[in-house]
Amino acid sequence: MPTGDQPLNDQTLTDQEIAPVKSGSTLLIACGALAHEILALKKLNGWDHLALRCLPAKLHLFPEKITSEVARVVNEERENFNSIFVVYADCGTGGQLAAYCAEQGIEMVRGPHCYAFYEGVDAFAAHDDEITAFYLTDFLVRQFDAFVIKPMGLDRHPQLRDAYFGNYTKLVYQAQTDDPALTEKARACAERLGLAFERRLTGYGDLIRELSRA
């Protein structure tokens, strides 16, 4: 596991420029798990002034590194843009990312994590009875083995399922797209974990509103 304040340099964790960087425009520093959706919204809304640089989605396995990695990119790019917008919610940083952005005068997505802003932060907060729900988005359904099964060792030790998921009761698939094949894959993920399945077609939720602020 990476330690200290050095940039992550593992090949699976290197950040990348997803949309062309244009001097003078607005730079989005985003989680790689949101790249597909952000690019779709850029195209749909004609947001050509938004450049996109994504940090690796696997940073969610190291949430204590998110703030320092965002800061690294800010330091590298700040002179090249009129403004920077951070497309992360708190995402397990314990308020550190919000504190950094406030200190730097940088706006960021509001909410605790992407599950909340996809559904809408207010709507998500209303589900106060879902403490036993496990959430997946389109990205996590596509990358289920890479982000759930393998990191938890369930591919090698399936008996650990109860230790990890014994207190969960259902899997909630927050669908950004109405894709029957992806829905069936999400259903299979629920069956694999021994959980009830629920699908909610959330679309992009608050992500559209948040990006419009940029």
N, C-alpha and C. Protein backbone atom coordinates (compact mmCIF):
# COMPACT_ATOMS: atom_id res chain seq x y z
N MET A 1 0.85 -1.19 0.00
CA MET A 1 0.00 0.00 0.00
C MET A 1 0.88 1.24 0.00
N PRO A 2 0.59 2.24 -0.84
CA PRO A 2 1.42 3.42 -0.89
C PRO A 2 1.44 4.15 0.45
N THR A 3 2.56 4.74 0.80
CA THR A 3 2.67 5.49 2.03
C THR A 3 3.31 6.82 1.73
N GLY A 4 3.23 7.75 2.71
CA GLY A 4 3.87 9.04 2.53
C GLY A 4 3.12 9.92 1.55
N ASP A 5 3.79 10.99 1.10
CA ASP A 5 3.14 11.97 0.25
C ASP A 5 3.64 11.93 -1.19
N GLN A 6 4.37 10.89 -1.58
CA GLN A 6 4.85 10.80 -2.95
C GLN A 6 3.70 10.42 -3.88
N PRO A 7 3.73 10.89 -5.14
CA PRO A 7 2.68 10.51 -6.10
C PRO A 7 2.65 9.00 -6.30
N LEU A 8 1.45 8.46 -6.47
CA LEU A 8 1.32 7.04 -6.74
C LEU A 8 1.91 6.77 -8.11
N ASN A 9 2.76 5.78 -8.23
CA ASN A 9 3.40 5.54 -9.52
C ASN A 9 3.19 4.14 -10.04
N ASP A 10 2.36 3.34 -9.39
CA ASP A 10 2.00 2.04 -9.92
C ASP A 10 1.28 2.24 -11.24
N GLN A 11 1.54 1.39 -12.20
CA GLN A 11 0.94 1.56 -13.54
C GLN A 11 -0.57 1.58 -13.48
N THR A 12 -1.17 0.84 -12.55
CA THR A 12 -2.63 0.81 -12.45
C THR A 12 -3.17 2.04 -11.75
N LEU A 13 -2.29 2.88 -11.20
CA LEU A 13 -2.74 4.02 -10.43
C LEU A 13 -2.32 5.36 -11.02
N THR A 14 -1.67 5.35 -12.17
CA THR A 14 -1.26 6.61 -12.75
C THR A 14 -2.46 7.36 -13.30
N ASP A 15 -2.45 8.70 -13.11
CA ASP A 15 -3.56 9.50 -13.61
C ASP A 15 -3.37 9.76 -15.09
N GLN A 16 -4.42 10.20 -15.74
CA GLN A 16 -4.34 10.40 -17.17
C GLN A 16 -5.23 11.53 -17.62
N GLU A 17 -4.80 12.15 -18.70
CA GLU A 17 -5.60 13.21 -19.31
C GLU A 17 -6.62 12.54 -20.22
N ILE A 18 -7.90 12.74 -19.92
CA ILE A 18 -8.97 12.10 -20.68
C ILE A 18 -9.48 13.02 -21.78
N ALA A 19 -9.62 14.30 -21.49
CA ALA A 19 -10.03 15.27 -22.50
C ALA A 19 -8.89 16.27 -22.68
N PRO A 20 -8.73 16.83 -23.87
CA PRO A 20 -7.60 17.73 -24.13
C PRO A 20 -7.53 18.87 -23.12
N VAL A 21 -6.34 19.16 -22.66
CA VAL A 21 -6.13 20.26 -21.73
C VAL A 21 -5.92 21.54 -22.54
N LYS A 22 -6.79 22.51 -22.32
CA LYS A 22 -6.70 23.77 -23.05
C LYS A 22 -6.45 24.90 -22.07
N SER A 23 -5.37 25.60 -22.27
CA SER A 23 -5.03 26.70 -21.39
C SER A 23 -6.16 27.72 -21.37
N GLY A 24 -6.49 28.18 -20.17
CA GLY A 24 -7.53 29.19 -20.02
C GLY A 24 -8.91 28.63 -19.74
N SER A 25 -9.10 27.34 -19.91
CA SER A 25 -10.41 26.75 -19.66
C SER A 25 -10.49 26.27 -18.22
N THR A 26 -11.52 25.52 -17.91
CA THR A 26 -11.70 24.96 -16.57
C THR A 26 -11.24 23.51 -16.56
N LEU A 27 -10.45 23.16 -15.57
CA LEU A 27 -9.97 21.79 -15.44
C LEU A 27 -10.82 21.05 -14.42
N LEU A 28 -11.32 19.91 -14.82
CA LEU A 28 -11.98 18.99 -13.90
C LEU A 28 -10.96 17.95 -13.45
N ILE A 29 -10.77 17.82 -12.15
CA ILE A 29 -9.96 16.75 -11.60
C ILE A 29 -10.93 15.73 -11.02
N ALA A 30 -11.00 14.57 -11.65
CA ALA A 30 -12.09 13.65 -11.35
C ALA A 30 -11.60 12.25 -11.04
N CYS A 31 -12.43 11.51 -10.37
CA CYS A 31 -12.21 10.09 -10.15
C CYS A 31 -12.39 9.36 -11.49
N GLY A 32 -11.48 8.44 -11.78
CA GLY A 32 -11.57 7.70 -13.03
C GLY A 32 -12.86 6.90 -13.18
N ALA A 33 -13.52 6.59 -12.06
CA ALA A 33 -14.79 5.87 -12.13
C ALA A 33 -15.89 6.71 -12.75
N LEU A 34 -15.67 8.03 -12.85
CA LEU A 34 -16.68 8.93 -13.41
C LEU A 34 -16.36 9.38 -14.82
N ALA A 35 -15.25 8.90 -15.38
CA ALA A 35 -14.79 9.40 -16.68
C ALA A 35 -15.85 9.23 -17.77
N HIS A 36 -16.42 8.03 -17.87
CA HIS A 36 -17.41 7.75 -18.91
C HIS A 36 -18.59 8.70 -18.82
N GLU A 37 -19.09 8.90 -17.61
CA GLU A 37 -20.27 9.74 -17.42
C GLU A 37 -19.94 11.21 -17.67
N ILE A 38 -18.77 11.67 -17.22
CA ILE A 38 -18.41 13.07 -17.44
C ILE A 38 -18.24 13.37 -18.93
N LEU A 39 -17.59 12.47 -19.66
CA LEU A 39 -17.42 12.67 -21.09
C LEU A 39 -18.77 12.68 -21.81
N ALA A 40 -19.69 11.83 -21.36
CA ALA A 40 -21.03 11.82 -21.96
C ALA A 40 -21.75 13.14 -21.72
N LEU A 41 -21.63 13.68 -20.51
CA LEU A 41 -22.29 14.95 -20.19
C LEU A 41 -21.62 16.12 -20.91
N LYS A 42 -20.30 16.07 -21.07
CA LYS A 42 -19.60 17.11 -21.84
C LYS A 42 -20.12 17.16 -23.27
N LYS A 43 -20.26 16.00 -23.87
CA LYS A 43 -20.72 15.93 -25.26
C LYS A 43 -22.18 16.36 -25.36
N LEU A 44 -23.01 15.88 -24.44
CA LEU A 44 -24.44 16.18 -24.47
C LEU A 44 -24.71 17.66 -24.32
N ASN A 45 -23.94 18.33 -23.45
CA ASN A 45 -24.20 19.73 -23.14
C ASN A 45 -23.28 20.71 -23.87
N GLY A 46 -22.37 20.19 -24.68
CA GLY A 46 -21.47 21.07 -25.40
C GLY A 46 -20.51 21.83 -24.49
N TRP A 47 -20.09 21.17 -23.41
CA TRP A 47 -19.19 21.82 -22.45
C TRP A 47 -17.74 21.70 -22.92
N ASP A 48 -17.44 22.34 -24.02
CA ASP A 48 -16.11 22.22 -24.61
C ASP A 48 -15.04 22.97 -23.81
N HIS A 49 -15.48 23.84 -22.92
CA HIS A 49 -14.52 24.59 -22.10
C HIS A 49 -13.98 23.77 -20.94
N LEU A 50 -14.54 22.58 -20.71
CA LEU A 50 -14.11 21.74 -19.60
C LEU A 50 -13.07 20.73 -20.06
N ALA A 51 -11.88 20.82 -19.50
CA ALA A 51 -10.84 19.80 -19.71
C ALA A 51 -10.94 18.81 -18.56
N LEU A 52 -10.59 17.57 -18.83
CA LEU A 52 -10.76 16.51 -17.84
C LEU A 52 -9.46 15.77 -17.60
N ARG A 53 -9.05 15.71 -16.37
CA ARG A 53 -7.91 14.90 -15.96
C ARG A 53 -8.38 13.96 -14.85
N CYS A 54 -8.28 12.68 -15.10
CA CYS A 54 -8.80 11.69 -14.16
C CYS A 54 -7.69 11.04 -13.35
N LEU A 55 -7.91 10.95 -12.07
CA LEU A 55 -7.08 10.15 -11.19
C LEU A 55 -7.62 8.72 -11.21
N PRO A 56 -6.77 7.74 -10.91
CA PRO A 56 -7.20 6.35 -11.03
C PRO A 56 -8.35 5.99 -10.09
N ALA A 57 -9.30 5.24 -10.64
CA ALA A 57 -10.45 4.82 -9.84
C ALA A 57 -10.02 4.00 -8.63
N LYS A 58 -8.90 3.30 -8.74
CA LYS A 58 -8.44 2.47 -7.63
C LYS A 58 -7.98 3.27 -6.43
N LEU A 59 -7.95 4.59 -6.54
CA LEU A 59 -7.66 5.40 -5.36
C LEU A 59 -8.72 5.18 -4.26
N HIS A 60 -9.89 4.71 -4.66
CA HIS A 60 -10.91 4.44 -3.65
C HIS A 60 -10.49 3.32 -2.71
N LEU A 61 -9.51 2.55 -3.12
CA LEU A 61 -8.96 1.54 -2.22
C LEU A 61 -7.95 2.16 -1.26
N PHE A 62 -7.56 3.42 -1.53
CA PHE A 62 -6.60 4.14 -0.70
C PHE A 62 -7.14 5.55 -0.44
N PRO A 63 -8.30 5.71 0.19
CA PRO A 63 -8.92 7.03 0.31
C PRO A 63 -8.05 8.05 1.03
N GLU A 64 -7.11 7.58 1.84
CA GLU A 64 -6.22 8.51 2.53
C GLU A 64 -5.27 9.19 1.56
N LYS A 65 -5.17 8.70 0.33
CA LYS A 65 -4.29 9.28 -0.68
C LYS A 65 -5.00 10.25 -1.62
N ILE A 66 -6.32 10.29 -1.58
CA ILE A 66 -7.06 11.09 -2.55
C ILE A 66 -6.68 12.56 -2.44
N THR A 67 -6.68 13.10 -1.24
CA THR A 67 -6.42 14.53 -1.07
C THR A 67 -5.03 14.90 -1.57
N SER A 68 -4.01 14.11 -1.23
CA SER A 68 -2.65 14.45 -1.66
C SER A 68 -2.51 14.32 -3.18
N GLU A 69 -3.22 13.38 -3.79
CA GLU A 69 -3.14 13.24 -5.25
C GLU A 69 -3.87 14.37 -5.96
N VAL A 70 -5.01 14.80 -5.42
CA VAL A 70 -5.69 15.96 -5.98
C VAL A 70 -4.79 17.19 -5.86
N ALA A 71 -4.15 17.36 -4.70
CA ALA A 71 -3.25 18.50 -4.49
C ALA A 71 -2.09 18.48 -5.48
N ARG A 72 -1.58 17.30 -5.75
CA ARG A 72 -0.48 17.19 -6.71
C ARG A 72 -0.89 17.72 -8.08
N VAL A 73 -2.07 17.32 -8.54
CA VAL A 73 -2.53 17.77 -9.86
C VAL A 73 -2.83 19.27 -9.84
N VAL A 74 -3.41 19.75 -8.75
CA VAL A 74 -3.66 21.19 -8.64
C VAL A 74 -2.35 21.96 -8.78
N ASN A 75 -1.31 21.51 -8.10
CA ASN A 75 -0.01 22.19 -8.17
C ASN A 75 0.58 22.14 -9.58
N GLU A 76 0.35 21.04 -10.28
CA GLU A 76 0.87 20.90 -11.64
C GLU A 76 0.14 21.76 -12.66
N GLU A 77 -1.16 21.96 -12.44
CA GLU A 77 -2.00 22.54 -13.49
C GLU A 77 -2.56 23.93 -13.19
N ARG A 78 -2.44 24.39 -11.97
CA ARG A 78 -3.14 25.61 -11.58
C ARG A 78 -2.84 26.79 -12.50
N GLU A 79 -1.60 26.94 -12.93
CA GLU A 79 -1.23 28.08 -13.76
C GLU A 79 -1.77 27.98 -15.18
N ASN A 80 -2.27 26.81 -15.55
CA ASN A 80 -2.73 26.60 -16.92
C ASN A 80 -4.22 26.85 -17.12
N PHE A 81 -4.95 27.09 -16.03
CA PHE A 81 -6.40 27.18 -16.14
C PHE A 81 -6.94 28.37 -15.36
N ASN A 82 -8.10 28.86 -15.82
CA ASN A 82 -8.78 29.92 -15.10
C ASN A 82 -9.38 29.42 -13.80
N SER A 83 -9.81 28.16 -13.81
CA SER A 83 -10.41 27.60 -12.60
C SER A 83 -10.26 26.09 -12.60
N ILE A 84 -10.41 25.51 -11.42
CA ILE A 84 -10.34 24.06 -11.24
C ILE A 84 -11.56 23.63 -10.44
N PHE A 85 -12.14 22.52 -10.85
CA PHE A 85 -13.29 21.95 -10.15
C PHE A 85 -12.98 20.49 -9.85
N VAL A 86 -13.12 20.08 -8.60
CA VAL A 86 -12.79 18.72 -8.17
C VAL A 86 -14.05 17.85 -8.20
N VAL A 87 -14.03 16.84 -9.06
CA VAL A 87 -15.19 15.96 -9.20
C VAL A 87 -14.99 14.71 -8.33
N TYR A 88 -14.86 14.98 -7.05
CA TYR A 88 -14.91 13.99 -5.99
C TYR A 88 -15.88 14.52 -4.96
N ALA A 89 -16.63 13.62 -4.31
CA ALA A 89 -17.31 13.98 -3.08
C ALA A 89 -16.31 13.71 -1.95
N ASP A 90 -16.77 13.54 -0.72
CA ASP A 90 -15.81 13.27 0.36
C ASP A 90 -15.08 11.96 0.14
N CYS A 91 -15.80 10.93 -0.30
CA CYS A 91 -15.19 9.67 -0.76
C CYS A 91 -14.23 9.04 0.26
N GLY A 92 -14.59 9.10 1.53
CA GLY A 92 -13.80 8.43 2.54
C GLY A 92 -12.59 9.20 3.03
N THR A 93 -12.47 10.48 2.66
CA THR A 93 -11.31 11.26 3.09
C THR A 93 -11.49 11.88 4.47
N GLY A 94 -12.64 11.67 5.08
CA GLY A 94 -12.87 12.18 6.43
C GLY A 94 -12.84 13.70 6.51
N GLY A 95 -13.30 14.36 5.46
CA GLY A 95 -13.34 15.82 5.45
C GLY A 95 -12.05 16.47 5.01
N GLN A 96 -10.99 15.70 4.79
CA GLN A 96 -9.71 16.28 4.41
C GLN A 96 -9.75 16.93 3.03
N LEU A 97 -10.45 16.28 2.09
CA LEU A 97 -10.51 16.85 0.74
C LEU A 97 -11.29 18.16 0.75
N ALA A 98 -12.40 18.20 1.48
CA ALA A 98 -13.19 19.43 1.56
C ALA A 98 -12.37 20.55 2.21
N ALA A 99 -11.62 20.21 3.24
CA ALA A 99 -10.80 21.22 3.92
C ALA A 99 -9.73 21.76 2.98
N TYR A 100 -9.10 20.88 2.22
CA TYR A 100 -8.08 21.31 1.27
C TYR A 100 -8.68 22.23 0.20
N CYS A 101 -9.82 21.81 -0.37
CA CYS A 101 -10.44 22.61 -1.43
C CYS A 101 -10.87 23.98 -0.90
N ALA A 102 -11.40 24.01 0.32
CA ALA A 102 -11.80 25.29 0.92
C ALA A 102 -10.58 26.19 1.11
N GLU A 103 -9.48 25.62 1.56
CA GLU A 103 -8.25 26.37 1.77
C GLU A 103 -7.71 26.95 0.47
N GLN A 104 -7.87 26.18 -0.63
CA GLN A 104 -7.34 26.59 -1.93
C GLN A 104 -8.34 27.40 -2.75
N GLY A 105 -9.57 27.55 -2.24
CA GLY A 105 -10.58 28.27 -3.00
C GLY A 105 -11.06 27.52 -4.22
N ILE A 106 -11.09 26.19 -4.12
CA ILE A 106 -11.50 25.32 -5.23
C ILE A 106 -12.85 24.70 -4.91
N GLU A 107 -13.75 24.70 -5.88
CA GLU A 107 -15.04 24.05 -5.67
C GLU A 107 -14.94 22.55 -5.91
N MET A 108 -15.82 21.80 -5.25
CA MET A 108 -15.85 20.35 -5.42
C MET A 108 -17.30 19.87 -5.34
N VAL A 109 -17.51 18.63 -5.71
CA VAL A 109 -18.84 18.04 -5.66
C VAL A 109 -19.29 17.92 -4.20
N ARG A 110 -20.53 18.22 -3.96
CA ARG A 110 -21.08 18.12 -2.62
C ARG A 110 -21.63 16.72 -2.37
N GLY A 111 -21.51 16.27 -1.14
CA GLY A 111 -22.06 14.98 -0.76
C GLY A 111 -21.01 14.04 -0.21
N PRO A 112 -21.43 12.92 0.35
CA PRO A 112 -20.49 11.99 0.98
C PRO A 112 -19.74 11.10 -0.01
N HIS A 113 -20.38 10.74 -1.13
CA HIS A 113 -19.76 9.82 -2.10
C HIS A 113 -20.62 9.80 -3.37
N CYS A 114 -20.14 9.08 -4.38
CA CYS A 114 -20.83 9.09 -5.67
C CYS A 114 -22.20 8.42 -5.61
N TYR A 115 -22.39 7.46 -4.70
CA TYR A 115 -23.70 6.83 -4.58
C TYR A 115 -24.75 7.87 -4.22
N ALA A 116 -24.36 8.85 -3.42
CA ALA A 116 -25.30 9.89 -3.02
C ALA A 116 -25.59 10.86 -4.15
N PHE A 117 -24.56 11.33 -4.87
CA PHE A 117 -24.88 12.33 -5.88
C PHE A 117 -25.47 11.72 -7.14
N TYR A 118 -25.27 10.42 -7.39
CA TYR A 118 -25.97 9.80 -8.52
C TYR A 118 -27.47 9.74 -8.24
N GLU A 119 -27.82 9.40 -7.02
CA GLU A 119 -29.25 9.30 -6.69
C GLU A 119 -29.84 10.65 -6.36
N GLY A 120 -28.99 11.60 -6.05
CA GLY A 120 -29.41 12.90 -5.53
C GLY A 120 -29.16 12.89 -4.03
N VAL A 121 -28.37 13.83 -3.56
CA VAL A 121 -27.94 13.79 -2.16
C VAL A 121 -29.12 13.77 -1.21
N ASP A 122 -30.14 14.59 -1.48
CA ASP A 122 -31.31 14.63 -0.59
C ASP A 122 -32.08 13.32 -0.62
N ALA A 123 -32.26 12.77 -1.83
CA ALA A 123 -32.98 11.50 -1.95
C ALA A 123 -32.21 10.38 -1.28
N PHE A 124 -30.90 10.39 -1.44
CA PHE A 124 -30.09 9.34 -0.83
C PHE A 124 -30.17 9.42 0.70
N ALA A 125 -30.13 10.64 1.22
CA ALA A 125 -30.18 10.82 2.67
C ALA A 125 -31.50 10.33 3.25
N ALA A 126 -32.55 10.32 2.42
CA ALA A 126 -33.85 9.86 2.91
C ALA A 126 -33.88 8.36 3.14
N HIS A 127 -32.92 7.63 2.56
CA HIS A 127 -32.87 6.17 2.74
C HIS A 127 -32.08 5.83 4.01
N ASP A 128 -32.56 6.34 5.14
CA ASP A 128 -31.82 6.13 6.39
C ASP A 128 -31.98 4.71 6.92
N ASP A 129 -32.80 3.91 6.24
CA ASP A 129 -32.99 2.52 6.65
C ASP A 129 -32.13 1.57 5.84
N GLU A 130 -31.21 2.11 5.01
CA GLU A 130 -30.44 1.26 4.10
C GLU A 130 -29.00 1.05 4.56
N ILE A 131 -28.82 0.97 5.84
CA ILE A 131 -27.47 0.75 6.35
C ILE A 131 -26.95 -0.62 5.94
N THR A 132 -27.84 -1.54 5.59
CA THR A 132 -27.42 -2.89 5.18
C THR A 132 -27.45 -3.07 3.66
N ALA A 133 -27.43 -1.95 2.91
CA ALA A 133 -27.43 -2.03 1.45
C ALA A 133 -26.00 -1.85 0.93
N PHE A 134 -25.66 -2.63 -0.10
CA PHE A 134 -24.38 -2.52 -0.79
C PHE A 134 -24.66 -1.94 -2.16
N TYR A 135 -23.98 -0.85 -2.52
CA TYR A 135 -24.30 -0.11 -3.73
C TYR A 135 -23.30 -0.37 -4.85
N LEU A 136 -23.83 -0.43 -6.06
CA LEU A 136 -23.01 -0.49 -7.26
C LEU A 136 -23.51 0.55 -8.25
N THR A 137 -22.58 1.12 -9.01
CA THR A 137 -22.89 2.00 -10.14
C THR A 137 -22.57 1.26 -11.43
N ASP A 138 -22.83 1.89 -12.57
CA ASP A 138 -22.48 1.26 -13.85
C ASP A 138 -21.01 0.85 -13.87
N PHE A 139 -20.15 1.77 -13.44
CA PHE A 139 -18.71 1.49 -13.45
C PHE A 139 -18.39 0.27 -12.59
N LEU A 140 -18.94 0.22 -11.39
CA LEU A 140 -18.62 -0.88 -10.48
C LEU A 140 -19.20 -2.21 -10.94
N VAL A 141 -20.32 -2.16 -11.66
CA VAL A 141 -20.84 -3.40 -12.23
C VAL A 141 -19.87 -3.91 -13.29
N ARG A 142 -19.41 -3.01 -14.16
CA ARG A 142 -18.47 -3.41 -15.21
C ARG A 142 -17.15 -3.93 -14.63
N GLN A 143 -16.73 -3.34 -13.51
CA GLN A 143 -15.42 -3.65 -12.93
C GLN A 143 -15.57 -4.43 -11.61
N PHE A 144 -16.63 -5.24 -11.51
CA PHE A 144 -16.95 -5.90 -10.24
C PHE A 144 -15.82 -6.78 -9.74
N ASP A 145 -15.25 -7.57 -10.62
CA ASP A 145 -14.16 -8.45 -10.20
C ASP A 145 -12.94 -7.64 -9.75
N ALA A 146 -12.60 -6.60 -10.51
CA ALA A 146 -11.39 -5.82 -10.21
C ALA A 146 -11.52 -4.99 -8.95
N PHE A 147 -12.74 -4.50 -8.65
CA PHE A 147 -12.89 -3.59 -7.53
C PHE A 147 -13.56 -4.20 -6.30
N VAL A 148 -14.15 -5.37 -6.44
CA VAL A 148 -14.81 -6.00 -5.29
C VAL A 148 -14.22 -7.38 -5.02
N ILE A 149 -14.33 -8.27 -5.97
CA ILE A 149 -13.97 -9.67 -5.74
C ILE A 149 -12.47 -9.84 -5.46
N LYS A 150 -11.61 -9.34 -6.34
CA LYS A 150 -10.18 -9.57 -6.18
C LYS A 150 -9.57 -8.82 -5.00
N PRO A 151 -9.88 -7.52 -4.79
CA PRO A 151 -9.30 -6.83 -3.64
C PRO A 151 -9.67 -7.45 -2.30
N MET A 152 -10.86 -8.05 -2.24
CA MET A 152 -11.29 -8.70 -1.00
C MET A 152 -10.82 -10.15 -0.89
N GLY A 153 -10.19 -10.64 -1.95
CA GLY A 153 -9.68 -12.00 -1.93
C GLY A 153 -10.74 -13.07 -2.11
N LEU A 154 -11.93 -12.67 -2.56
CA LEU A 154 -13.03 -13.63 -2.69
C LEU A 154 -12.83 -14.58 -3.86
N ASP A 155 -11.95 -14.20 -4.79
CA ASP A 155 -11.64 -15.12 -5.89
C ASP A 155 -10.81 -16.29 -5.39
N ARG A 156 -10.03 -16.05 -4.35
CA ARG A 156 -9.18 -17.10 -3.78
C ARG A 156 -9.78 -17.76 -2.55
N HIS A 157 -10.59 -16.99 -1.82
CA HIS A 157 -11.16 -17.49 -0.56
C HIS A 157 -12.65 -17.14 -0.51
N PRO A 158 -13.48 -17.82 -1.29
CA PRO A 158 -14.91 -17.48 -1.34
C PRO A 158 -15.60 -17.62 0.01
N GLN A 159 -15.01 -18.37 0.93
CA GLN A 159 -15.62 -18.54 2.24
C GLN A 159 -15.63 -17.24 3.05
N LEU A 160 -14.87 -16.24 2.59
CA LEU A 160 -14.85 -14.95 3.28
C LEU A 160 -16.09 -14.12 2.98
N ARG A 161 -16.93 -14.59 2.08
CA ARG A 161 -18.14 -13.83 1.73
C ARG A 161 -18.94 -13.44 2.95
N ASP A 162 -19.17 -14.39 3.86
CA ASP A 162 -19.98 -14.09 5.04
C ASP A 162 -19.32 -13.07 5.95
N ALA A 163 -17.98 -13.12 6.03
CA ALA A 163 -17.28 -12.17 6.87
C ALA A 163 -17.44 -10.74 6.34
N TYR A 164 -17.42 -10.60 5.01
CA TYR A 164 -17.55 -9.27 4.41
C TYR A 164 -18.99 -8.82 4.26
N PHE A 165 -19.86 -9.74 3.87
CA PHE A 165 -21.23 -9.35 3.47
C PHE A 165 -22.33 -9.97 4.31
N GLY A 166 -21.96 -10.61 5.39
CA GLY A 166 -22.97 -11.27 6.22
C GLY A 166 -23.99 -10.33 6.82
N ASN A 167 -23.62 -9.06 7.00
CA ASN A 167 -24.55 -8.09 7.59
C ASN A 167 -25.29 -7.27 6.55
N TYR A 168 -25.00 -7.50 5.27
CA TYR A 168 -25.76 -6.83 4.21
C TYR A 168 -26.99 -7.66 3.87
N THR A 169 -28.03 -6.97 3.42
CA THR A 169 -29.26 -7.67 3.05
C THR A 169 -29.58 -7.55 1.56
N LYS A 170 -29.12 -6.48 0.91
CA LYS A 170 -29.44 -6.32 -0.50
C LYS A 170 -28.35 -5.55 -1.23
N LEU A 171 -28.30 -5.75 -2.53
CA LEU A 171 -27.44 -4.99 -3.41
C LEU A 171 -28.31 -4.02 -4.20
N VAL A 172 -28.00 -2.74 -4.14
CA VAL A 172 -28.73 -1.71 -4.87
C VAL A 172 -27.88 -1.26 -6.05
N TYR A 173 -28.39 -1.50 -7.25
CA TYR A 173 -27.71 -1.08 -8.47
C TYR A 173 -28.27 0.27 -8.89
N GLN A 174 -27.45 1.32 -8.78
CA GLN A 174 -27.83 2.64 -9.24
C GLN A 174 -27.41 2.76 -10.70
N ALA A 175 -28.37 2.60 -11.59
CA ALA A 175 -28.08 2.53 -13.02
C ALA A 175 -28.03 3.93 -13.64
N GLN A 176 -26.90 4.27 -14.21
CA GLN A 176 -26.80 5.53 -14.94
C GLN A 176 -27.39 5.40 -16.34
N THR A 177 -27.37 4.19 -16.89
CA THR A 177 -27.91 3.94 -18.22
C THR A 177 -28.92 2.80 -18.15
N ASP A 178 -29.86 2.81 -19.08
CA ASP A 178 -30.88 1.77 -19.12
C ASP A 178 -30.38 0.65 -20.04
N ASP A 179 -29.52 -0.18 -19.50
CA ASP A 179 -28.83 -1.21 -20.27
C ASP A 179 -29.21 -2.58 -19.72
N PRO A 180 -30.04 -3.34 -20.44
CA PRO A 180 -30.48 -4.65 -19.93
C PRO A 180 -29.32 -5.60 -19.63
N ALA A 181 -28.29 -5.57 -20.46
CA ALA A 181 -27.15 -6.47 -20.23
C ALA A 181 -26.43 -6.11 -18.93
N LEU A 182 -26.28 -4.82 -18.67
CA LEU A 182 -25.62 -4.37 -17.45
C LEU A 182 -26.49 -4.69 -16.23
N THR A 183 -27.80 -4.59 -16.41
CA THR A 183 -28.71 -4.94 -15.31
C THR A 183 -28.58 -6.41 -14.96
N GLU A 184 -28.51 -7.27 -15.97
CA GLU A 184 -28.35 -8.70 -15.70
C GLU A 184 -27.01 -9.00 -15.04
N LYS A 185 -25.99 -8.26 -15.42
CA LYS A 185 -24.69 -8.45 -14.78
C LYS A 185 -24.76 -8.02 -13.32
N ALA A 186 -25.46 -6.92 -13.05
CA ALA A 186 -25.62 -6.45 -11.67
C ALA A 186 -26.41 -7.48 -10.84
N ARG A 187 -27.44 -8.06 -11.46
CA ARG A 187 -28.22 -9.10 -10.78
C ARG A 187 -27.33 -10.30 -10.43
N ALA A 188 -26.44 -10.64 -11.37
CA ALA A 188 -25.53 -11.75 -11.12
C ALA A 188 -24.55 -11.42 -9.98
N CYS A 189 -24.16 -10.15 -9.89
CA CYS A 189 -23.29 -9.72 -8.78
C CYS A 189 -24.00 -9.92 -7.45
N ALA A 190 -25.28 -9.57 -7.41
CA ALA A 190 -26.06 -9.76 -6.18
C ALA A 190 -26.14 -11.23 -5.81
N GLU A 191 -26.42 -12.07 -6.80
CA GLU A 191 -26.50 -13.51 -6.54
C GLU A 191 -25.16 -14.06 -6.06
N ARG A 192 -24.11 -13.54 -6.63
CA ARG A 192 -22.77 -13.99 -6.24
C ARG A 192 -22.46 -13.67 -4.78
N LEU A 193 -23.01 -12.55 -4.30
CA LEU A 193 -22.80 -12.15 -2.91
C LEU A 193 -23.88 -12.65 -1.98
N GLY A 194 -24.89 -13.33 -2.53
CA GLY A 194 -25.98 -13.85 -1.72
C GLY A 194 -26.90 -12.77 -1.19
N LEU A 195 -27.09 -11.70 -1.98
CA LEU A 195 -27.90 -10.57 -1.55
C LEU A 195 -29.13 -10.40 -2.43
N ALA A 196 -30.19 -9.84 -1.87
CA ALA A 196 -31.36 -9.47 -2.66
C ALA A 196 -30.93 -8.37 -3.64
N PHE A 197 -31.69 -8.24 -4.74
CA PHE A 197 -31.30 -7.30 -5.79
C PHE A 197 -32.35 -6.22 -5.98
N GLU A 198 -31.89 -4.98 -6.08
CA GLU A 198 -32.77 -3.85 -6.39
C GLU A 198 -32.07 -2.94 -7.39
N ARG A 199 -32.81 -2.54 -8.42
CA ARG A 199 -32.26 -1.64 -9.43
C ARG A 199 -32.99 -0.31 -9.37
N ARG A 200 -32.22 0.79 -9.39
CA ARG A 200 -32.78 2.13 -9.44
C ARG A 200 -32.16 2.86 -10.63
N LEU A 201 -32.99 3.29 -11.55
CA LEU A 201 -32.50 4.05 -12.69
C LEU A 201 -32.32 5.50 -12.24
N THR A 202 -31.10 5.85 -11.86
CA THR A 202 -30.83 7.19 -11.33
C THR A 202 -30.41 8.18 -12.40
N GLY A 203 -29.93 7.65 -13.54
CA GLY A 203 -29.32 8.56 -14.50
C GLY A 203 -28.08 9.18 -13.89
N TYR A 204 -27.82 10.44 -14.23
CA TYR A 204 -26.62 11.12 -13.73
C TYR A 204 -26.88 11.87 -12.43
N GLY A 205 -28.13 11.92 -11.99
CA GLY A 205 -28.45 12.53 -10.70
C GLY A 205 -27.94 13.95 -10.58
N ASP A 206 -27.31 14.23 -9.44
CA ASP A 206 -26.80 15.57 -9.16
C ASP A 206 -25.51 15.88 -9.92
N LEU A 207 -24.94 14.88 -10.61
CA LEU A 207 -23.69 15.12 -11.32
C LEU A 207 -23.86 16.20 -12.38
N ILE A 208 -25.02 16.23 -13.04
CA ILE A 208 -25.28 17.26 -14.05
C ILE A 208 -25.27 18.64 -13.41
N ARG A 209 -25.97 18.77 -12.30
CA ARG A 209 -26.03 20.05 -11.62
C ARG A 209 -24.66 20.48 -11.11
N GLU A 210 -23.91 19.52 -10.57
CA GLU A 210 -22.59 19.86 -10.04
C GLU A 210 -21.65 20.32 -11.16
N LEU A 211 -21.66 19.62 -12.28
CA LEU A 211 -20.78 20.00 -13.38
C LEU A 211 -21.19 21.33 -14.00
N SER A 212 -22.48 21.62 -13.96
CA SER A 212 -22.93 22.90 -14.52
C SER A 212 -22.36 24.07 -13.73
N ARG A 213 -21.99 23.84 -12.46
CA ARG A 213 -21.36 24.90 -11.66
C ARG A 213 -19.95 25.19 -12.16
N ALA A 214 -19.38 24.21 -12.88
CA ALA A 214 -18.01 24.40 -13.37
C ALA A 214 -17.99 25.19 -14.67
